[in-house]
């Protein structure tokens, strides 16, 4: 049988592990969103650059 103190320590350790796992999951989600945002901005930049290179009817 474990003592009350041992149970409390085990509960704190379990809570700390859950918190660390949640923080890790949040960091991964934020990193994925950041990568997606960077990819979207890069694609938009390339589209704008391609449009800027195309001559318009006023340029002819």
N, C-alpha and C. Protein backbone atom coordinates (compact mmCIF):
# COMPACT_ATOMS: atom_id res chain seq x y z
N UNK A 1 0.84 -1.18 0.00
CA UNK A 1 0.00 0.00 0.00
C UNK A 1 0.89 1.24 0.00
N UNK A 2 0.51 2.22 -0.81
CA UNK A 2 1.31 3.44 -0.88
C UNK A 2 0.75 4.47 0.09
N UNK A 3 1.62 5.32 0.54
CA UNK A 3 1.20 6.34 1.50
C UNK A 3 0.49 7.49 0.77
N UNK A 4 -0.16 8.29 1.55
CA UNK A 4 -0.86 9.46 1.01
C UNK A 4 0.12 10.39 0.30
N UNK A 5 1.29 10.57 0.84
CA UNK A 5 2.30 11.44 0.24
C UNK A 5 2.74 10.88 -1.11
N UNK A 6 2.95 9.57 -1.17
CA UNK A 6 3.33 8.94 -2.44
C UNK A 6 2.24 9.12 -3.49
N UNK A 7 1.00 9.01 -3.07
CA UNK A 7 -0.11 9.21 -4.00
C UNK A 7 -0.15 10.65 -4.50
N UNK A 8 0.08 11.60 -3.62
CA UNK A 8 0.09 13.01 -4.01
C UNK A 8 1.24 13.30 -4.99
N UNK A 9 2.40 12.75 -4.72
CA UNK A 9 3.55 12.94 -5.60
C UNK A 9 3.26 12.32 -6.96
N UNK A 10 2.69 11.13 -6.97
CA UNK A 10 2.36 10.47 -8.23
C UNK A 10 1.33 11.30 -9.02
N UNK A 11 0.36 11.88 -8.32
CA UNK A 11 -0.65 12.71 -8.98
C UNK A 11 -0.01 13.95 -9.59
N UNK A 12 0.92 14.57 -8.87
CA UNK A 12 1.61 15.76 -9.40
C UNK A 12 2.45 15.41 -10.63
N UNK A 13 3.12 14.27 -10.57
CA UNK A 13 3.94 13.84 -11.71
C UNK A 13 3.04 13.59 -12.92
N UNK A 14 1.92 12.92 -12.71
CA UNK A 14 0.99 12.65 -13.81
C UNK A 14 0.45 13.95 -14.40
N UNK A 15 0.11 14.91 -13.54
CA UNK A 15 -0.40 16.20 -14.02
C UNK A 15 0.67 16.94 -14.83
N UNK A 16 1.91 16.88 -14.36
CA UNK A 16 3.01 17.55 -15.08
C UNK A 16 3.21 16.90 -16.45
N UNK A 17 3.09 15.59 -16.52
CA UNK A 17 3.24 14.90 -17.82
C UNK A 17 2.11 15.27 -18.77
N UNK A 18 0.88 15.34 -18.24
CA UNK A 18 -0.25 15.74 -19.08
C UNK A 18 -0.06 17.16 -19.60
N UNK A 19 0.41 18.05 -18.72
CA UNK A 19 0.63 19.44 -19.12
C UNK A 19 1.71 19.53 -20.19
N UNK A 20 2.79 18.81 -20.01
CA UNK A 20 3.88 18.83 -20.99
C UNK A 20 3.40 18.29 -22.34
N UNK A 21 2.60 17.23 -22.31
CA UNK A 21 2.09 16.67 -23.56
C UNK A 21 1.15 17.65 -24.25
N UNK A 22 0.32 18.34 -23.49
CA UNK A 22 -0.60 19.33 -24.07
C UNK A 22 0.18 20.49 -24.68
N UNK A 23 1.23 20.94 -23.99
CA UNK A 23 2.05 22.03 -24.51
C UNK A 23 2.77 21.61 -25.79
N UNK A 24 3.26 20.38 -25.82
CA UNK A 24 3.94 19.88 -27.01
C UNK A 24 2.97 19.81 -28.18
N UNK A 25 1.76 19.32 -27.92
CA UNK A 25 0.74 19.22 -28.96
C UNK A 25 0.39 20.62 -29.49
N UNK A 26 0.26 21.59 -28.59
CA UNK A 26 -0.05 22.98 -28.99
C UNK A 26 1.07 23.55 -29.84
N UNK A 27 2.32 23.32 -29.45
CA UNK A 27 3.45 23.81 -30.25
C UNK A 27 3.45 23.20 -31.64
N UNK A 28 3.13 21.91 -31.73
CA UNK A 28 3.07 21.24 -33.03
C UNK A 28 1.95 21.83 -33.90
N UNK A 29 0.80 22.09 -33.28
CA UNK A 29 -0.31 22.68 -34.03
C UNK A 29 0.04 24.08 -34.53
N UNK A 30 0.67 24.87 -33.68
CA UNK A 30 1.07 26.22 -34.08
C UNK A 30 2.11 26.18 -35.18
N UNK A 31 3.05 25.25 -35.10
CA UNK A 31 4.08 25.12 -36.13
C UNK A 31 3.45 24.74 -37.47
N UNK A 32 2.47 23.84 -37.44
CA UNK A 32 1.80 23.43 -38.68
C UNK A 32 1.04 24.61 -39.27
N UNK A 33 0.35 25.38 -38.44
CA UNK A 33 -0.37 26.55 -38.93
C UNK A 33 0.59 27.59 -39.49
N UNK A 34 1.72 27.75 -38.83
CA UNK A 34 2.73 28.72 -39.30
C UNK A 34 3.27 28.29 -40.66
N UNK A 35 3.58 27.00 -40.81
CA UNK A 35 4.08 26.50 -42.10
C UNK A 35 3.04 26.71 -43.20
N UNK A 36 1.78 26.44 -42.90
CA UNK A 36 0.72 26.62 -43.89
C UNK A 36 0.58 28.08 -44.27
N UNK A 37 0.67 28.96 -43.29
CA UNK A 37 0.57 30.40 -43.55
C UNK A 37 1.72 30.90 -44.40
N UNK A 38 2.91 30.42 -44.11
CA UNK A 38 4.08 30.83 -44.89
C UNK A 38 3.93 30.35 -46.32
N UNK A 39 3.46 29.12 -46.50
CA UNK A 39 3.27 28.59 -47.86
C UNK A 39 2.23 29.41 -48.62
N UNK A 40 1.13 29.77 -47.96
CA UNK A 40 0.10 30.59 -48.62
C UNK A 40 0.65 31.96 -49.01
N UNK A 41 1.38 32.59 -48.09
CA UNK A 41 1.95 33.91 -48.40
C UNK A 41 2.95 33.83 -49.54
N UNK A 42 3.74 32.78 -49.56
CA UNK A 42 4.73 32.61 -50.64
C UNK A 42 4.02 32.42 -51.98
N UNK A 43 2.97 31.60 -51.99
CA UNK A 43 2.22 31.38 -53.22
C UNK A 43 1.58 32.68 -53.70
N UNK A 44 1.05 33.46 -52.78
CA UNK A 44 0.44 34.75 -53.16
C UNK A 44 1.51 35.69 -53.72
N UNK A 45 2.67 35.70 -53.10
CA UNK A 45 3.76 36.56 -53.58
C UNK A 45 4.14 36.17 -55.01
N UNK A 46 4.26 34.86 -55.25
CA UNK A 46 4.62 34.41 -56.60
C UNK A 46 3.54 34.78 -57.61
N UNK A 47 2.26 34.67 -57.20
CA UNK A 47 1.17 35.08 -58.10
C UNK A 47 1.28 36.56 -58.43
N UNK A 48 1.52 37.37 -57.41
CA UNK A 48 1.62 38.82 -57.64
C UNK A 48 2.82 39.15 -58.52
N UNK A 49 3.92 38.47 -58.31
CA UNK A 49 5.09 38.71 -59.16
C UNK A 49 4.82 38.31 -60.60
N UNK A 50 4.12 37.19 -60.79
CA UNK A 50 3.79 36.74 -62.14
C UNK A 50 2.84 37.72 -62.81
N UNK A 51 1.88 38.25 -62.06
CA UNK A 51 0.95 39.24 -62.61
C UNK A 51 1.68 40.52 -62.97
N UNK A 52 2.66 40.91 -62.18
CA UNK A 52 3.40 42.14 -62.43
C UNK A 52 4.25 42.01 -63.69
N UNK A 53 4.67 40.80 -64.02
CA UNK A 53 5.50 40.59 -65.21
C UNK A 53 4.67 40.54 -66.48
N UNK A 54 3.37 40.31 -66.37
CA UNK A 54 2.51 40.22 -67.55
C UNK A 54 2.21 41.63 -68.07
N UNK A 55 2.42 41.88 -69.35
CA UNK A 55 2.08 43.21 -69.89
C UNK A 55 0.56 43.37 -69.97
N UNK A 56 0.10 44.55 -69.64
CA UNK A 56 -1.33 44.84 -69.72
C UNK A 56 -1.63 45.49 -71.06
N UNK A 57 -2.88 45.71 -71.35
CA UNK A 57 -3.24 46.34 -72.63
C UNK A 57 -2.73 47.77 -72.68
N UNK A 58 -2.60 48.45 -71.56
CA UNK A 58 -2.10 49.82 -71.53
C UNK A 58 -0.61 49.85 -71.85
N UNK A 59 0.12 48.76 -71.61
CA UNK A 59 1.56 48.72 -71.85
C UNK A 59 1.90 48.48 -73.32
N UNK A 60 0.95 48.06 -74.09
CA UNK A 60 1.23 47.72 -75.49
C UNK A 60 1.19 48.90 -76.38
